[in-house]
Amino acid sequence: MSTVEERLSELGLTVPEVVPPVAAYVPAVRDGSYIYTSGQLPMVDGKLAATGKVGAEVGADDAKELAARCALNAIAAIKAELGDLEKVARVVKVVGFVASDPSFTGQPGVINGASELLGKAFGDKGVHARSAVGVAALPLDAPVEVEVIVAVSE
């Protein structure tokens, strides 16, 4: 059976460096057998991959890809905290925020980008509970933000 990083590699992805915080927080915190990530933006090489509201400046399909990038950044934060992604026992919860045009109601489809990536990366351990919430604005005018909670085993 392949590892999380091997499955990501099969998708053409690698775990990036942890995105540095843009305010007063840390990328992830471990408390007992859980790791909680801070909200991850769709940062690529230190820059937002896109800005604007979903349903206006950003299309739903593009936003779904951005949500997957947020999940990949969350995986990076988890790896930095845990050291080895194989110690993830399961993805417990995903919360996704979508900066939405007032008429946009497709938030669940956008956050599917994060959920689907986590499922591909972690297999059965990637099945999780989830919320997908439309909001008026996100930090730095990001279209999407995702936070992840995982249970770990030692």
C-alpha atoms as a PDB file:
ATOM      1  CA  MET A   1       0.000   0.000   0.000  1.00  0.00           C
ATOM      2  CA  SER A   2       1.339   3.429  -0.903  1.00  0.00           C
ATOM      3  CA  THR A   3       1.994   6.283   1.506  1.00  0.00           C
ATOM      4  CA  VAL A   4       0.153   9.590   1.618  1.00  0.00           C
ATOM      5  CA  GLU A   5       3.057  11.331  -0.098  1.00  0.00           C
ATOM      6  CA  GLU A   6       3.246   8.632  -2.792  1.00  0.00           C
ATOM      7  CA  ARG A   7      -0.483   9.028  -3.485  1.00  0.00           C
ATOM      8  CA  LEU A   8      -0.015  12.787  -3.742  1.00  0.00           C
ATOM      9  CA  SER A   9       2.900  12.244  -6.105  1.00  0.00           C
ATOM     10  CA  GLU A  10       0.666  10.081  -8.309  1.00  0.00           C
ATOM     11  CA  LEU A  11      -1.586  13.155  -8.554  1.00  0.00           C
ATOM     12  CA  GLY A  12       1.394  15.287  -9.597  1.00  0.00           C
ATOM     13  CA  LEU A  13       1.565  16.982  -6.190  1.00  0.00           C
ATOM     14  CA  THR A  14       4.193  17.325  -3.499  1.00  0.00           C
ATOM     15  CA  VAL A  15       3.753  18.523   0.054  1.00  0.00           C
ATOM     16  CA  PRO A  16       4.797  22.187  -0.042  1.00  0.00           C
ATOM     17  CA  GLU A  17       6.630  24.151   2.609  1.00  0.00           C
ATOM     18  CA  VAL A  18       4.356  25.351   5.394  1.00  0.00           C
ATOM     19  CA  VAL A  19       2.758  28.678   4.553  1.00  0.00           C
ATOM     20  CA  PRO A  20       3.999  31.262   7.061  1.00  0.00           C
ATOM     21  CA  PRO A  21       1.218  32.840   9.150  1.00  0.00           C
ATOM     22  CA  VAL A  22      -0.104  36.184   7.924  1.00  0.00           C
ATOM     23  CA  ALA A  23      -1.080  37.257  11.470  1.00  0.00           C
ATOM     24  CA  ALA A  24      -0.644  36.230  15.139  1.00  0.00           C
ATOM     25  CA  TYR A  25      -1.147  32.439  15.030  1.00  0.00           C
ATOM     26  CA  VAL A  26       0.659  29.199  14.212  1.00  0.00           C
ATOM     27  CA  PRO A  27      -0.112  26.954  11.225  1.00  0.00           C
ATOM     28  CA  ALA A  28      -1.138  23.980  13.392  1.00  0.00           C
ATOM     29  CA  VAL A  29      -1.460  22.943  17.025  1.00  0.00           C
ATOM     30  CA  ARG A  30      -1.361  19.462  18.483  1.00  0.00           C
ATOM     31  CA  ASP A  31      -3.523  18.752  21.512  1.00  0.00           C
ATOM     32  CA  GLY A  32      -3.306  15.129  22.630  1.00  0.00           C
ATOM     33  CA  SER A  33      -4.244  12.899  19.736  1.00  0.00           C
ATOM     34  CA  TYR A  34      -5.554  15.711  17.520  1.00  0.00           C
ATOM     35  CA  ILE A  35      -3.955  18.272  15.249  1.00  0.00           C
ATOM     36  CA  TYR A  36      -5.925  21.400  14.421  1.00  0.00           C
ATOM     37  CA  THR A  37      -4.772  23.470  11.473  1.00  0.00           C
ATOM     38  CA  SER A  38      -5.327  27.174  11.222  1.00  0.00           C
ATOM     39  CA  GLY A  39      -7.323  28.273   8.216  1.00  0.00           C
ATOM     40  CA  GLN A  40      -5.212  27.675   5.123  1.00  0.00           C
ATOM     41  CA  LEU A  41      -5.436  29.980   2.129  1.00  0.00           C
ATOM     42  CA  PRO A  42      -4.683  28.945  -1.471  1.00  0.00           C
ATOM     43  CA  MET A  43      -1.077  30.129  -1.282  1.00  0.00           C
ATOM     44  CA  VAL A  44       1.441  29.010  -3.899  1.00  0.00           C
ATOM     45  CA  ASP A  45       5.072  30.078  -3.535  1.00  0.00           C
ATOM     46  CA  GLY A  46       4.154  32.722  -0.968  1.00  0.00           C
ATOM     47  CA  LYS A  47       1.354  34.323  -2.997  1.00  0.00           C
ATOM     48  CA  LEU A  48      -2.388  33.853  -3.258  1.00  0.00           C
ATOM     49  CA  ALA A  49      -3.232  31.828  -6.350  1.00  0.00           C
ATOM     50  CA  ALA A  50      -6.303  34.033  -6.900  1.00  0.00           C
ATOM     51  CA  THR A  51      -8.358  36.761  -5.255  1.00  0.00           C
ATOM     52  CA  GLY A  52     -11.983  37.786  -5.376  1.00  0.00           C
ATOM     53  CA  LYS A  53     -15.463  36.470  -4.720  1.00  0.00           C
ATOM     54  CA  VAL A  54     -16.609  33.080  -5.956  1.00  0.00           C
ATOM     55  CA  GLY A  55     -19.489  33.542  -8.351  1.00  0.00           C
ATOM     56  CA  ALA A  56     -18.144  36.927  -9.463  1.00  0.00           C
ATOM     57  CA  GLU A  57     -14.382  37.240 -10.120  1.00  0.00           C
ATOM     58  CA  VAL A  58     -13.651  33.540  -9.486  1.00  0.00           C
ATOM     59  CA  GLY A  59     -15.565  30.675 -11.100  1.00  0.00           C
ATOM     60  CA  ALA A  60     -16.782  27.683  -9.104  1.00  0.00           C
ATOM     61  CA  ASP A  61     -14.459  25.227 -10.886  1.00  0.00           C
ATOM     62  CA  ASP A  62     -11.432  27.418 -10.231  1.00  0.00           C
ATOM     63  CA  ALA A  63     -12.509  27.843  -6.607  1.00  0.00           C
ATOM     64  CA  LYS A  64     -12.746  24.047  -6.244  1.00  0.00           C
ATOM     65  CA  GLU A  65      -9.109  23.784  -7.372  1.00  0.00           C
ATOM     66  CA  LEU A  66      -8.183  26.539  -4.914  1.00  0.00           C
ATOM     67  CA  ALA A  67      -9.885  24.591  -2.108  1.00  0.00           C
ATOM     68  CA  ALA A  68      -7.732  21.585  -3.020  1.00  0.00           C
ATOM     69  CA  ARG A  69      -4.667  23.822  -2.710  1.00  0.00           C
ATOM     70  CA  CYS A  70      -5.859  24.929   0.725  1.00  0.00           C
ATOM     71  CA  ALA A  71      -6.113  21.253   1.725  1.00  0.00           C
ATOM     72  CA  LEU A  72      -2.590  20.607   0.412  1.00  0.00           C
ATOM     73  CA  ASN A  73      -1.347  23.513   2.526  1.00  0.00           C
ATOM     74  CA  ALA A  74      -3.165  22.016   5.529  1.00  0.00           C
ATOM     75  CA  ILE A  75      -1.401  18.709   4.853  1.00  0.00           C
ATOM     76  CA  ALA A  76       1.902  20.617   4.946  1.00  0.00           C
ATOM     77  CA  ALA A  77       0.996  22.137   8.324  1.00  0.00           C
ATOM     78  CA  ILE A  78       0.026  18.708   9.661  1.00  0.00           C
ATOM     79  CA  LYS A  79       3.273  17.167   8.428  1.00  0.00           C
ATOM     80  CA  ALA A  80       5.314  19.967  10.033  1.00  0.00           C
ATOM     81  CA  GLU A  81       3.570  19.348  13.366  1.00  0.00           C
ATOM     82  CA  LEU A  82       3.598  15.537  13.212  1.00  0.00           C
ATOM     83  CA  GLY A  83       6.705  14.774  11.164  1.00  0.00           C
ATOM     84  CA  ASP A  84       5.171  11.772   9.387  1.00  0.00           C
ATOM     85  CA  LEU A  85       1.829  11.803   7.579  1.00  0.00           C
ATOM     86  CA  GLU A  86       1.524   8.044   8.102  1.00  0.00           C
ATOM     87  CA  LYS A  87       0.769   8.817  11.762  1.00  0.00           C
ATOM     88  CA  VAL A  88      -2.554  10.395  10.741  1.00  0.00           C
ATOM     89  CA  ALA A  89      -5.209   7.966  11.972  1.00  0.00           C
ATOM     90  CA  ARG A  90      -8.002   9.805  10.183  1.00  0.00           C
ATOM     91  CA  VAL A  91      -9.190  13.155   8.940  1.00  0.00           C
ATOM     92  CA  VAL A  92     -11.924  14.062  11.425  1.00  0.00           C
ATOM     93  CA  LYS A  93     -13.343  17.395  10.268  1.00  0.00           C
ATOM     94  CA  VAL A  94     -12.949  19.919   7.483  1.00  0.00           C
ATOM     95  CA  VAL A  95     -14.345  23.444   7.638  1.00  0.00           C
ATOM     96  CA  GLY A  96     -14.351  25.413   4.414  1.00  0.00           C
ATOM     97  CA  PHE A  97     -15.100  29.089   3.955  1.00  0.00           C
ATOM     98  CA  VAL A  98     -16.004  30.488   0.545  1.00  0.00           C
ATOM     99  CA  ALA A  99     -15.926  34.244  -0.074  1.00  0.00           C
ATOM    100  CA  SER A 100     -19.104  34.346  -2.088  1.00  0.00           C
ATOM    101  CA  ASP A 101     -20.953  36.700  -4.348  1.00  0.00           C
ATOM    102  CA  PRO A 102     -24.370  37.182  -2.666  1.00  0.00           C
ATOM    103  CA  SER A 103     -26.073  35.102  -5.379  1.00  0.00           C
ATOM    104  CA  PHE A 104     -23.605  32.174  -5.167  1.00  0.00           C
ATOM    105  CA  THR A 105     -24.921  29.072  -3.381  1.00  0.00           C
ATOM    106  CA  GLY A 106     -22.465  26.408  -4.529  1.00  0.00           C
ATOM    107  CA  GLN A 107     -20.210  26.404  -1.447  1.00  0.00           C
ATOM    108  CA  PRO A 108     -20.420  22.608  -0.935  1.00  0.00           C
ATOM    109  CA  GLY A 109     -19.193  21.966  -4.482  1.00  0.00           C
ATOM    110  CA  VAL A 110     -16.266  24.328  -3.975  1.00  0.00           C
ATOM    111  CA  ILE A 111     -15.188  22.664  -0.725  1.00  0.00           C
ATOM    112  CA  ASN A 112     -15.434  19.283  -2.443  1.00  0.00           C
ATOM    113  CA  GLY A 113     -12.023  20.228  -3.861  1.00  0.00           C
ATOM    114  CA  ALA A 114     -10.526  19.954  -0.374  1.00  0.00           C
ATOM    115  CA  SER A 115     -12.546  16.877   0.584  1.00  0.00           C
ATOM    116  CA  GLU A 116     -11.693  15.019  -2.609  1.00  0.00           C
ATOM    117  CA  LEU A 117      -7.964  15.738  -2.259  1.00  0.00           C
ATOM    118  CA  LEU A 118      -7.961  14.543   1.351  1.00  0.00           C
ATOM    119  CA  GLY A 119      -9.796  11.390   0.275  1.00  0.00           C
ATOM    120  CA  LYS A 120      -7.268  10.691  -2.468  1.00  0.00           C
ATOM    121  CA  ALA A 121      -4.336  11.391  -0.158  1.00  0.00           C
ATOM    122  CA  PHE A 122      -5.515   9.487   2.921  1.00  0.00           C
ATOM    123  CA  GLY A 123      -7.817   6.869   1.389  1.00  0.00           C
ATOM    124  CA  ASP A 124     -10.415   5.539   3.838  1.00  0.00           C
ATOM    125  CA  LYS A 125      -8.773   7.582   6.608  1.00  0.00           C
ATOM    126  CA  GLY A 126      -9.662  10.716   4.614  1.00  0.00           C
ATOM    127  CA  VAL A 127     -13.444  10.365   5.058  1.00  0.00           C
ATOM    128  CA  HIS A 128     -14.545  13.220   7.319  1.00  0.00           C
ATOM    129  CA  ALA A 129     -17.314  15.410   8.682  1.00  0.00           C
ATOM    130  CA  ARG A 130     -17.497  18.835   7.043  1.00  0.00           C
ATOM    131  CA  SER A 131     -18.979  22.302   6.944  1.00  0.00           C
ATOM    132  CA  ALA A 132     -18.982  24.570   3.887  1.00  0.00           C
ATOM    133  CA  VAL A 133     -19.822  28.168   4.688  1.00  0.00           C
ATOM    134  CA  GLY A 134     -20.325  31.212   2.483  1.00  0.00           C
ATOM    135  CA  VAL A 135     -18.816  34.418   3.859  1.00  0.00           C
ATOM    136  CA  ALA A 136     -18.641  38.038   2.751  1.00  0.00           C
ATOM    137  CA  ALA A 137     -14.833  38.256   2.737  1.00  0.00           C
ATOM    138  CA  LEU A 138     -11.707  36.322   3.678  1.00  0.00           C
ATOM    139  CA  PRO A 139      -8.182  37.459   4.609  1.00  0.00           C
ATOM    140  CA  LEU A 140      -6.210  39.076   1.758  1.00  0.00           C
ATOM    141  CA  ASP A 141      -9.327  38.822  -0.462  1.00  0.00           C
ATOM    142  CA  ALA A 142      -8.813  35.043  -0.751  1.00  0.00           C
ATOM    143  CA  PRO A 143     -11.698  33.205  -2.427  1.00  0.00           C
ATOM    144  CA  VAL A 144     -11.417  30.114  -0.182  1.00  0.00           C
ATOM    145  CA  GLU A 145     -10.046  29.112   3.221  1.00  0.00           C
ATOM    146  CA  VAL A 146      -9.931  25.597   4.681  1.00  0.00           C
ATOM    147  CA  GLU A 147      -9.125  24.253   8.137  1.00  0.00           C
ATOM    148  CA  VAL A 148      -8.618  20.588   8.979  1.00  0.00           C
ATOM    149  CA  ILE A 149      -8.691  18.505  12.162  1.00  0.00           C
ATOM    150  CA  VAL A 150      -6.951  15.117  12.164  1.00  0.00           C
ATOM    151  CA  ALA A 151      -6.617  12.372  14.749  1.00  0.00           C
ATOM    152  CA  VAL A 152      -3.125  10.934  15.101  1.00  0.00           C
ATOM    153  CA  SER A 153      -1.686   7.666  16.325  1.00  0.00           C
ATOM    154  CA  GLU A 154       1.795   7.126  17.706  1.00  0.00           C
END
